[in-house]
Amino acid sequence: MRKWAAALLGLVLATPGMAQEEMVFTPPEGFVSASEDETSGLREWLPEGEGPENWSRRVSYSVNPLEGRTAEEFAILLGHAMQQVCEGLEAAPAHAGDQNSYGIQLMLTSCPADYTESEDTENAIIKVIAGDEAMHTVQFAWRGDLDEITIRSIFEWTVPQILCNPEAEDAPCP
């Protein structure tokens, strides 16, 4: 997954001047800040007691100044970047639509154990939000099997992670 973060960093750049749009983001209970790179805009959280090499689950949030793209287009770019570090990557769109007046794309990815730094398959559910000023990406990754209960609970966690604009009536902040 460290490689996936590097692929994501390849798309993430500093985003000065984004004063209006705000991300409403809450890490899952029991997760603590693991890293924050203000230059790239990438922040990561791990379950308490886990480290960058021995994680079982990882949550990240990033901002990318690629304006003028749809959430679907950015998800495709992200999938291609991830394939550069995991040749066996499987990526599938899971849901597309609007949330709080912003376009979103959910996608499920799976990198087989043969291509990971661990002995487990590395999976992720990624939510791309196309803001007016930048692309916002929320990712929940886990090592292990793909099972319906895990996938459903992670999708449910992604729902309240929203982009808002306190100055826009159609994208209010809670």
N, C-alpha and C. Protein backbone atom coordinates (compact mmCIF):
# COMPACT_ATOMS: atom_id res chain seq x y z
N MET A 1 0.82 -1.19 0.00
CA MET A 1 0.00 0.00 0.00
C MET A 1 0.86 1.25 0.00
N ARG A 2 2.06 1.17 0.52
CA ARG A 2 2.98 2.29 0.48
C ARG A 2 3.20 2.68 -0.98
N LYS A 3 3.29 1.67 -1.86
CA LYS A 3 3.46 1.95 -3.28
C LYS A 3 2.23 2.66 -3.83
N TRP A 4 1.03 2.26 -3.38
CA TRP A 4 -0.19 2.90 -3.84
C TRP A 4 -0.20 4.35 -3.41
N ALA A 5 0.24 4.62 -2.18
CA ALA A 5 0.31 6.00 -1.72
C ALA A 5 1.26 6.79 -2.61
N ALA A 6 2.36 6.17 -3.01
CA ALA A 6 3.30 6.84 -3.91
C ALA A 6 2.64 7.12 -5.26
N ALA A 7 1.85 6.20 -5.75
CA ALA A 7 1.14 6.43 -7.02
C ALA A 7 0.17 7.59 -6.87
N LEU A 8 -0.51 7.62 -5.74
CA LEU A 8 -1.43 8.71 -5.47
C LEU A 8 -0.68 10.02 -5.37
N LEU A 9 0.48 10.00 -4.71
CA LEU A 9 1.29 11.21 -4.59
C LEU A 9 1.70 11.74 -5.95
N GLY A 10 1.86 10.85 -6.92
CA GLY A 10 2.21 11.28 -8.26
C GLY A 10 1.14 12.16 -8.87
N LEU A 11 -0.09 12.05 -8.38
CA LEU A 11 -1.19 12.86 -8.88
C LEU A 11 -1.53 14.02 -7.96
N VAL A 12 -1.01 14.00 -6.75
CA VAL A 12 -1.37 14.99 -5.75
C VAL A 12 -0.33 16.10 -5.71
N LEU A 13 -0.80 17.32 -5.74
CA LEU A 13 0.09 18.48 -5.68
C LEU A 13 -0.42 19.44 -4.61
N ALA A 14 0.38 20.40 -4.24
CA ALA A 14 -0.04 21.41 -3.27
C ALA A 14 -1.23 22.18 -3.82
N THR A 15 -2.12 22.59 -2.93
CA THR A 15 -3.34 23.25 -3.37
C THR A 15 -3.58 24.53 -2.58
N PRO A 16 -2.76 25.55 -2.77
CA PRO A 16 -2.99 26.80 -2.07
C PRO A 16 -4.22 27.51 -2.62
N GLY A 17 -4.84 28.32 -1.80
CA GLY A 17 -5.93 29.16 -2.27
C GLY A 17 -7.28 28.49 -2.32
N MET A 18 -7.47 27.35 -1.69
CA MET A 18 -8.77 26.70 -1.69
C MET A 18 -9.53 27.08 -0.43
N ALA A 19 -9.93 28.34 -0.33
CA ALA A 19 -10.53 28.82 0.90
C ALA A 19 -12.01 28.49 1.01
N GLN A 20 -12.72 28.31 -0.09
CA GLN A 20 -14.16 28.14 -0.01
C GLN A 20 -14.59 26.70 0.23
N GLU A 21 -14.11 25.77 -0.55
CA GLU A 21 -14.54 24.38 -0.39
C GLU A 21 -13.89 23.77 0.84
N GLU A 22 -14.68 22.98 1.57
CA GLU A 22 -14.19 22.33 2.77
C GLU A 22 -14.55 20.85 2.72
N MET A 23 -13.65 20.01 3.17
CA MET A 23 -13.91 18.58 3.24
C MET A 23 -14.38 18.25 4.65
N VAL A 24 -15.53 17.60 4.75
CA VAL A 24 -16.02 17.10 6.03
C VAL A 24 -15.56 15.65 6.09
N PHE A 25 -14.55 15.40 6.90
CA PHE A 25 -13.90 14.10 6.94
C PHE A 25 -13.65 13.69 8.38
N THR A 26 -14.07 12.48 8.72
CA THR A 26 -13.83 11.94 10.06
C THR A 26 -13.23 10.55 9.91
N PRO A 27 -11.99 10.34 10.39
CA PRO A 27 -11.40 9.00 10.33
C PRO A 27 -12.24 8.03 11.17
N PRO A 28 -12.20 6.76 10.85
CA PRO A 28 -12.94 5.78 11.65
C PRO A 28 -12.46 5.78 13.11
N GLU A 29 -13.34 5.38 14.00
CA GLU A 29 -12.99 5.30 15.42
C GLU A 29 -11.80 4.37 15.61
N GLY A 30 -10.86 4.79 16.45
CA GLY A 30 -9.67 3.99 16.73
C GLY A 30 -8.51 4.23 15.79
N PHE A 31 -8.70 5.08 14.78
CA PHE A 31 -7.62 5.42 13.86
C PHE A 31 -6.91 6.68 14.36
N VAL A 32 -5.59 6.71 14.19
CA VAL A 32 -4.79 7.86 14.60
C VAL A 32 -3.98 8.36 13.40
N SER A 33 -3.62 9.63 13.44
CA SER A 33 -2.84 10.21 12.36
C SER A 33 -1.51 9.48 12.22
N ALA A 34 -1.18 9.07 11.00
CA ALA A 34 0.07 8.35 10.74
C ALA A 34 1.05 9.21 9.96
N SER A 35 0.53 10.04 9.06
CA SER A 35 1.41 10.93 8.30
C SER A 35 0.60 12.06 7.71
N GLU A 36 1.28 13.17 7.50
CA GLU A 36 0.66 14.33 6.87
C GLU A 36 1.73 15.06 6.08
N ASP A 37 1.46 15.24 4.81
CA ASP A 37 2.41 15.92 3.94
C ASP A 37 1.72 17.16 3.38
N GLU A 38 2.03 18.31 3.96
CA GLU A 38 1.36 19.54 3.54
C GLU A 38 1.71 19.93 2.11
N THR A 39 2.88 19.52 1.65
CA THR A 39 3.28 19.84 0.28
C THR A 39 2.40 19.10 -0.72
N SER A 40 2.15 17.83 -0.46
CA SER A 40 1.38 17.02 -1.41
C SER A 40 -0.10 17.02 -1.11
N GLY A 41 -0.50 17.36 0.11
CA GLY A 41 -1.90 17.32 0.47
C GLY A 41 -2.39 15.94 0.87
N LEU A 42 -1.48 14.99 1.10
CA LEU A 42 -1.86 13.62 1.47
C LEU A 42 -1.78 13.47 2.98
N ARG A 43 -2.87 12.95 3.57
CA ARG A 43 -2.91 12.64 5.00
C ARG A 43 -3.34 11.20 5.15
N GLU A 44 -2.71 10.50 6.13
CA GLU A 44 -3.03 9.08 6.34
C GLU A 44 -3.29 8.81 7.82
N TRP A 45 -4.18 7.84 8.07
CA TRP A 45 -4.51 7.39 9.41
C TRP A 45 -4.44 5.87 9.43
N LEU A 46 -3.98 5.33 10.57
CA LEU A 46 -3.90 3.88 10.78
C LEU A 46 -4.57 3.54 12.11
N PRO A 47 -4.99 2.27 12.27
CA PRO A 47 -5.50 1.87 13.58
C PRO A 47 -4.41 2.09 14.64
N GLU A 48 -4.83 2.53 15.80
CA GLU A 48 -3.87 2.75 16.88
C GLU A 48 -3.04 1.50 17.11
N GLY A 49 -1.73 1.65 17.24
CA GLY A 49 -0.82 0.53 17.47
C GLY A 49 -0.23 -0.07 16.21
N GLU A 50 -0.72 0.33 15.05
CA GLU A 50 -0.17 -0.18 13.79
C GLU A 50 0.76 0.85 13.18
N GLY A 51 1.71 0.36 12.37
CA GLY A 51 2.68 1.25 11.75
C GLY A 51 2.62 1.19 10.24
N PRO A 52 3.46 1.97 9.57
CA PRO A 52 3.43 2.05 8.12
C PRO A 52 3.72 0.74 7.41
N GLU A 53 4.40 -0.18 8.05
CA GLU A 53 4.72 -1.46 7.41
C GLU A 53 3.78 -2.60 7.82
N ASN A 54 3.17 -2.49 9.00
CA ASN A 54 2.38 -3.61 9.52
C ASN A 54 0.90 -3.27 9.67
N TRP A 55 0.40 -2.43 8.81
CA TRP A 55 -0.99 -2.01 8.93
C TRP A 55 -1.95 -3.09 8.44
N SER A 56 -3.14 -3.10 9.02
CA SER A 56 -4.21 -3.98 8.54
C SER A 56 -5.25 -3.17 7.77
N ARG A 57 -5.40 -1.91 8.16
CA ARG A 57 -6.32 -0.98 7.51
C ARG A 57 -5.65 0.38 7.45
N ARG A 58 -5.98 1.15 6.44
CA ARG A 58 -5.38 2.48 6.26
C ARG A 58 -6.43 3.38 5.61
N VAL A 59 -6.51 4.59 6.12
CA VAL A 59 -7.41 5.60 5.57
C VAL A 59 -6.56 6.77 5.11
N SER A 60 -6.88 7.31 3.95
CA SER A 60 -6.15 8.49 3.48
C SER A 60 -7.11 9.49 2.85
N TYR A 61 -6.66 10.73 2.86
CA TYR A 61 -7.40 11.83 2.23
C TYR A 61 -6.38 12.66 1.47
N SER A 62 -6.70 13.03 0.25
CA SER A 62 -5.80 13.86 -0.53
C SER A 62 -6.58 14.87 -1.36
N VAL A 63 -5.88 15.90 -1.76
CA VAL A 63 -6.44 16.96 -2.59
C VAL A 63 -5.55 17.12 -3.81
N ASN A 64 -6.17 17.24 -4.97
CA ASN A 64 -5.42 17.39 -6.21
C ASN A 64 -6.03 18.53 -7.02
N PRO A 65 -5.22 19.47 -7.48
CA PRO A 65 -5.75 20.64 -8.17
C PRO A 65 -6.15 20.42 -9.63
N LEU A 66 -6.53 19.21 -9.99
CA LEU A 66 -6.95 18.95 -11.38
C LEU A 66 -8.39 19.40 -11.57
N GLU A 67 -8.57 20.64 -11.92
CA GLU A 67 -9.90 21.17 -12.18
C GLU A 67 -10.36 20.75 -13.57
N GLY A 68 -11.67 20.82 -13.80
CA GLY A 68 -12.19 20.60 -15.13
C GLY A 68 -12.35 19.14 -15.52
N ARG A 69 -12.12 18.23 -14.61
CA ARG A 69 -12.33 16.81 -14.87
C ARG A 69 -13.52 16.35 -14.05
N THR A 70 -14.13 15.27 -14.50
CA THR A 70 -15.19 14.67 -13.72
C THR A 70 -14.57 13.71 -12.71
N ALA A 71 -15.36 13.33 -11.72
CA ALA A 71 -14.89 12.36 -10.74
C ALA A 71 -14.54 11.04 -11.43
N GLU A 72 -15.34 10.66 -12.42
CA GLU A 72 -15.08 9.43 -13.16
C GLU A 72 -13.74 9.50 -13.90
N GLU A 73 -13.47 10.62 -14.56
CA GLU A 73 -12.20 10.78 -15.29
C GLU A 73 -11.01 10.70 -14.34
N PHE A 74 -11.13 11.33 -13.18
CA PHE A 74 -10.03 11.30 -12.23
C PHE A 74 -9.84 9.89 -11.66
N ALA A 75 -10.94 9.17 -11.42
CA ALA A 75 -10.84 7.80 -10.92
C ALA A 75 -10.10 6.92 -11.94
N ILE A 76 -10.35 7.14 -13.22
CA ILE A 76 -9.65 6.38 -14.26
C ILE A 76 -8.15 6.71 -14.22
N LEU A 77 -7.81 7.99 -14.11
CA LEU A 77 -6.39 8.39 -13.99
C LEU A 77 -5.74 7.75 -12.77
N LEU A 78 -6.45 7.75 -11.67
CA LEU A 78 -5.92 7.15 -10.44
C LEU A 78 -5.71 5.65 -10.62
N GLY A 79 -6.67 4.98 -11.26
CA GLY A 79 -6.53 3.55 -11.52
C GLY A 79 -5.31 3.25 -12.38
N HIS A 80 -5.06 4.07 -13.40
CA HIS A 80 -3.87 3.88 -14.24
C HIS A 80 -2.59 4.08 -13.44
N ALA A 81 -2.57 5.09 -12.56
CA ALA A 81 -1.38 5.33 -11.73
C ALA A 81 -1.15 4.14 -10.79
N MET A 82 -2.21 3.58 -10.25
CA MET A 82 -2.08 2.44 -9.35
C MET A 82 -1.60 1.20 -10.10
N GLN A 83 -2.00 1.05 -11.36
CA GLN A 83 -1.54 -0.09 -12.15
C GLN A 83 -0.03 -0.04 -12.41
N GLN A 84 0.57 1.13 -12.32
CA GLN A 84 2.01 1.25 -12.49
C GLN A 84 2.78 0.57 -11.36
N VAL A 85 2.17 0.46 -10.18
CA VAL A 85 2.84 -0.17 -9.04
C VAL A 85 2.27 -1.54 -8.71
N CYS A 86 1.14 -1.88 -9.32
CA CYS A 86 0.54 -3.20 -9.12
C CYS A 86 0.02 -3.70 -10.46
N GLU A 87 0.84 -4.48 -11.15
CA GLU A 87 0.47 -4.95 -12.49
C GLU A 87 -0.81 -5.77 -12.48
N GLY A 88 -1.08 -6.46 -11.39
CA GLY A 88 -2.26 -7.30 -11.31
C GLY A 88 -3.48 -6.61 -10.75
N LEU A 89 -3.43 -5.28 -10.66
CA LEU A 89 -4.52 -4.52 -10.06
C LEU A 89 -5.83 -4.76 -10.80
N GLU A 90 -6.87 -4.99 -10.02
CA GLU A 90 -8.23 -5.02 -10.56
C GLU A 90 -8.94 -3.81 -10.00
N ALA A 91 -9.57 -3.04 -10.85
CA ALA A 91 -10.30 -1.85 -10.42
C ALA A 91 -11.67 -1.86 -11.07
N ALA A 92 -12.68 -1.56 -10.28
CA ALA A 92 -14.04 -1.56 -10.80
C ALA A 92 -14.81 -0.37 -10.23
N PRO A 93 -15.50 0.37 -11.10
CA PRO A 93 -16.35 1.44 -10.57
C PRO A 93 -17.48 0.81 -9.77
N ALA A 94 -17.82 1.45 -8.66
CA ALA A 94 -18.86 0.89 -7.80
C ALA A 94 -20.11 1.75 -7.76
N HIS A 95 -19.94 3.06 -7.87
CA HIS A 95 -21.09 3.96 -7.82
C HIS A 95 -20.65 5.32 -8.36
N ALA A 96 -21.52 5.95 -9.10
CA ALA A 96 -21.27 7.32 -9.56
C ALA A 96 -22.54 8.12 -9.33
N GLY A 97 -22.38 9.39 -9.07
CA GLY A 97 -23.55 10.23 -8.86
C GLY A 97 -23.14 11.58 -8.32
N ASP A 98 -24.08 12.22 -7.64
CA ASP A 98 -23.84 13.52 -7.02
C ASP A 98 -24.08 13.40 -5.52
N GLN A 99 -23.29 14.15 -4.77
CA GLN A 99 -23.48 14.23 -3.32
C GLN A 99 -23.21 15.67 -2.92
N ASN A 100 -24.19 16.30 -2.33
CA ASN A 100 -24.06 17.69 -1.89
C ASN A 100 -23.66 18.59 -3.07
N SER A 101 -24.22 18.30 -4.23
CA SER A 101 -24.01 19.05 -5.48
C SER A 101 -22.64 18.87 -6.11
N TYR A 102 -21.87 17.89 -5.67
CA TYR A 102 -20.57 17.57 -6.27
C TYR A 102 -20.62 16.17 -6.87
N GLY A 103 -19.99 15.99 -8.03
CA GLY A 103 -19.91 14.68 -8.65
C GLY A 103 -18.99 13.77 -7.85
N ILE A 104 -19.42 12.51 -7.68
CA ILE A 104 -18.59 11.54 -6.97
C ILE A 104 -18.46 10.26 -7.80
N GLN A 105 -17.39 9.55 -7.56
CA GLN A 105 -17.17 8.23 -8.15
C GLN A 105 -16.57 7.35 -7.06
N LEU A 106 -17.19 6.22 -6.80
CA LEU A 106 -16.64 5.22 -5.90
C LEU A 106 -16.05 4.11 -6.74
N MET A 107 -14.89 3.61 -6.32
CA MET A 107 -14.31 2.49 -7.04
C MET A 107 -13.68 1.54 -6.04
N LEU A 108 -13.69 0.28 -6.41
CA LEU A 108 -13.11 -0.79 -5.60
C LEU A 108 -11.87 -1.28 -6.32
N THR A 109 -10.75 -1.37 -5.60
CA THR A 109 -9.52 -1.88 -6.19
C THR A 109 -9.01 -3.06 -5.38
N SER A 110 -8.29 -3.94 -6.05
CA SER A 110 -7.69 -5.09 -5.38
C SER A 110 -6.35 -5.40 -6.04
N CYS A 111 -5.30 -5.44 -5.22
CA CYS A 111 -3.96 -5.77 -5.69
C CYS A 111 -3.60 -7.13 -5.10
N PRO A 112 -3.41 -8.16 -5.94
CA PRO A 112 -3.11 -9.50 -5.44
C PRO A 112 -1.83 -9.54 -4.60
N ALA A 113 -1.78 -10.48 -3.68
CA ALA A 113 -0.64 -10.62 -2.77
C ALA A 113 0.69 -10.72 -3.51
N ASP A 114 0.69 -11.30 -4.71
CA ASP A 114 1.92 -11.43 -5.50
C ASP A 114 2.58 -10.08 -5.79
N TYR A 115 1.80 -9.00 -5.77
CA TYR A 115 2.31 -7.68 -6.15
C TYR A 115 2.44 -6.73 -4.96
N THR A 116 2.16 -7.20 -3.75
CA THR A 116 2.19 -6.31 -2.59
C THR A 116 3.45 -6.53 -1.76
N GLU A 117 3.69 -5.60 -0.85
CA GLU A 117 4.83 -5.70 0.06
C GLU A 117 4.52 -6.66 1.22
N SER A 118 3.25 -6.99 1.40
CA SER A 118 2.86 -7.91 2.46
C SER A 118 2.52 -9.25 1.80
N GLU A 119 2.05 -10.18 2.59
CA GLU A 119 1.65 -11.48 2.04
C GLU A 119 0.14 -11.53 1.80
N ASP A 120 -0.51 -10.39 1.90
CA ASP A 120 -1.96 -10.32 1.75
C ASP A 120 -2.35 -9.51 0.52
N THR A 121 -3.53 -9.79 0.03
CA THR A 121 -4.13 -8.95 -0.99
C THR A 121 -4.40 -7.59 -0.36
N GLU A 122 -4.17 -6.52 -1.11
CA GLU A 122 -4.45 -5.18 -0.62
C GLU A 122 -5.61 -4.61 -1.42
N ASN A 123 -6.68 -4.29 -0.71
CA ASN A 123 -7.91 -3.81 -1.31
C ASN A 123 -8.17 -2.38 -0.88
N ALA A 124 -8.96 -1.67 -1.67
CA ALA A 124 -9.32 -0.30 -1.29
C ALA A 124 -10.65 0.08 -1.90
N ILE A 125 -11.38 0.87 -1.16
CA ILE A 125 -12.54 1.57 -1.69
C ILE A 125 -12.13 3.04 -1.73
N ILE A 126 -12.25 3.62 -2.90
CA ILE A 126 -11.80 4.99 -3.12
C ILE A 126 -12.99 5.83 -3.53
N LYS A 127 -13.14 6.97 -2.88
CA LYS A 127 -14.20 7.92 -3.22
C LYS A 127 -13.53 9.16 -3.78
N VAL A 128 -13.86 9.48 -5.02
CA VAL A 128 -13.35 10.69 -5.67
C VAL A 128 -14.49 11.70 -5.69
N ILE A 129 -14.20 12.91 -5.26
CA ILE A 129 -15.18 13.99 -5.26
C ILE A 129 -14.63 15.11 -6.14
N ALA A 130 -15.39 15.47 -7.17
CA ALA A 130 -14.97 16.53 -8.09
C ALA A 130 -15.46 17.87 -7.57
N GLY A 131 -14.57 18.58 -6.89
CA GLY A 131 -14.91 19.91 -6.41
C GLY A 131 -14.77 20.94 -7.52
N ASP A 132 -15.21 22.14 -7.25
CA ASP A 132 -15.06 23.22 -8.22
C ASP A 132 -13.60 23.66 -8.33
N GLU A 133 -12.85 23.46 -7.23
CA GLU A 133 -11.48 23.96 -7.16
C GLU A 133 -10.43 22.86 -7.24
N ALA A 134 -10.83 21.60 -7.00
CA ALA A 134 -9.86 20.50 -6.96
C ALA A 134 -10.60 19.17 -6.88
N MET A 135 -9.83 18.09 -7.05
CA MET A 135 -10.33 16.74 -6.82
C MET A 135 -9.97 16.34 -5.39
N HIS A 136 -10.91 15.72 -4.71
CA HIS A 136 -10.69 15.25 -3.34
C HIS A 136 -10.84 13.73 -3.36
N THR A 137 -9.92 13.05 -2.71
CA THR A 137 -9.93 11.59 -2.72
C THR A 137 -9.88 11.07 -1.29
N VAL A 138 -10.84 10.21 -0.97
CA VAL A 138 -10.88 9.52 0.32
C VAL A 138 -10.69 8.05 0.01
N GLN A 139 -9.76 7.41 0.71
CA GLN A 139 -9.49 5.99 0.46
C GLN A 139 -9.49 5.22 1.76
N PHE A 140 -10.16 4.08 1.76
CA PHE A 140 -10.10 3.14 2.88
C PHE A 140 -9.52 1.85 2.32
N ALA A 141 -8.33 1.49 2.77
CA ALA A 141 -7.64 0.28 2.28
C ALA A 141 -7.57 -0.75 3.40
N TRP A 142 -7.57 -2.01 3.01
CA TRP A 142 -7.40 -3.09 3.99
C TRP A 142 -6.67 -4.24 3.35
N ARG A 143 -5.98 -5.00 4.20
CA ARG A 143 -5.28 -6.19 3.74
C ARG A 143 -6.12 -7.40 4.11
N GLY A 144 -6.25 -8.31 3.16
CA GLY A 144 -7.02 -9.53 3.41
C GLY A 144 -8.04 -9.76 2.32
N ASP A 145 -9.02 -10.57 2.66
CA ASP A 145 -10.03 -10.98 1.69
C ASP A 145 -11.04 -9.89 1.39
N LEU A 146 -11.63 -10.00 0.22
CA LEU A 146 -12.78 -9.18 -0.14
C LEU A 146 -14.02 -9.93 0.34
N ASP A 147 -14.76 -9.33 1.25
CA ASP A 147 -16.01 -9.97 1.66
C ASP A 147 -17.09 -8.90 1.75
N GLU A 148 -18.31 -9.33 1.55
CA GLU A 148 -19.43 -8.39 1.43
C GLU A 148 -19.62 -7.54 2.68
N ILE A 149 -19.44 -8.11 3.86
CA ILE A 149 -19.65 -7.35 5.10
C ILE A 149 -18.62 -6.23 5.21
N THR A 150 -17.36 -6.53 4.93
CA THR A 150 -16.31 -5.50 4.98
C THR A 150 -16.59 -4.41 3.95
N ILE A 151 -16.87 -4.81 2.74
CA ILE A 151 -17.12 -3.83 1.67
C ILE A 151 -18.31 -2.95 2.02
N ARG A 152 -19.39 -3.54 2.49
CA ARG A 152 -20.59 -2.77 2.83
C ARG A 152 -20.30 -1.77 3.95
N SER A 153 -19.58 -2.21 5.00
CA SER A 153 -19.30 -1.30 6.12
C SER A 153 -18.39 -0.15 5.68
N ILE A 154 -17.45 -0.42 4.79
CA ILE A 154 -16.57 0.65 4.31
C ILE A 154 -17.34 1.62 3.42
N PHE A 155 -18.20 1.11 2.54
CA PHE A 155 -19.04 2.00 1.74
C PHE A 155 -19.87 2.90 2.65
N GLU A 156 -20.44 2.33 3.71
CA GLU A 156 -21.23 3.12 4.64
C GLU A 156 -20.39 4.20 5.31
N TRP A 157 -19.11 3.89 5.59
CA TRP A 157 -18.23 4.89 6.19
C TRP A 157 -17.96 6.04 5.22
N THR A 158 -17.91 5.76 3.92
CA THR A 158 -17.59 6.81 2.95
C THR A 158 -18.73 7.82 2.79
N VAL A 159 -19.96 7.43 3.07
CA VAL A 159 -21.11 8.31 2.81
C VAL A 159 -20.99 9.68 3.48
N PRO A 160 -20.72 9.78 4.79
CA PRO A 160 -20.67 11.11 5.40
C PRO A 160 -19.40 11.91 5.10
N GLN A 161 -18.46 11.35 4.38
CA GLN A 161 -17.25 12.07 4.00
C GLN A 161 -17.63 12.92 2.79
N ILE A 162 -17.93 14.20 3.02
CA ILE A 162 -18.47 15.04 1.94
C ILE A 162 -17.65 16.31 1.75
N LEU A 163 -17.81 16.87 0.58
CA LEU A 163 -17.25 18.17 0.26
C LEU A 163 -18.39 19.18 0.39
N CYS A 164 -18.09 20.34 0.95
CA CYS A 164 -19.12 21.36 1.10
C CYS A 164 -18.52 22.73 0.84
N ASN A 165 -19.39 23.71 0.73
CA ASN A 165 -18.96 25.09 0.53
C ASN A 165 -19.88 25.97 1.36
N PRO A 166 -19.36 26.58 2.43
CA PRO A 166 -20.21 27.38 3.31
C PRO A 166 -20.83 28.59 2.61
N GLU A 167 -20.31 28.96 1.46
CA GLU A 167 -20.83 30.11 0.72
C GLU A 167 -21.81 29.71 -0.38
N ALA A 168 -22.05 28.41 -0.56
CA ALA A 168 -22.93 27.95 -1.64
C ALA A 168 -24.20 27.33 -1.06
N GLU A 169 -25.34 27.81 -1.50
CA GLU A 169 -26.61 27.27 -1.01
C GLU A 169 -26.82 25.82 -1.40
N ASP A 170 -26.29 25.41 -2.56
CA ASP A 170 -26.51 24.05 -3.04
C ASP A 170 -25.48 23.06 -2.52
N ALA A 171 -24.49 23.50 -1.73
CA ALA A 171 -23.47 22.60 -1.17
C ALA A 171 -23.16 23.01 0.27
N PRO A 172 -24.20 23.08 1.12
CA PRO A 172 -23.99 23.59 2.48
C PRO A 172 -23.12 22.67 3.34
N CYS A 173 -22.44 23.27 4.29
CA CYS A 173 -21.66 22.51 5.26
C CYS A 173 -22.56 22.18 6.45
N PRO A 174 -22.37 21.01 7.03
CA PRO A 174 -23.21 20.64 8.19
C PRO A 174 -22.93 21.55 9.38
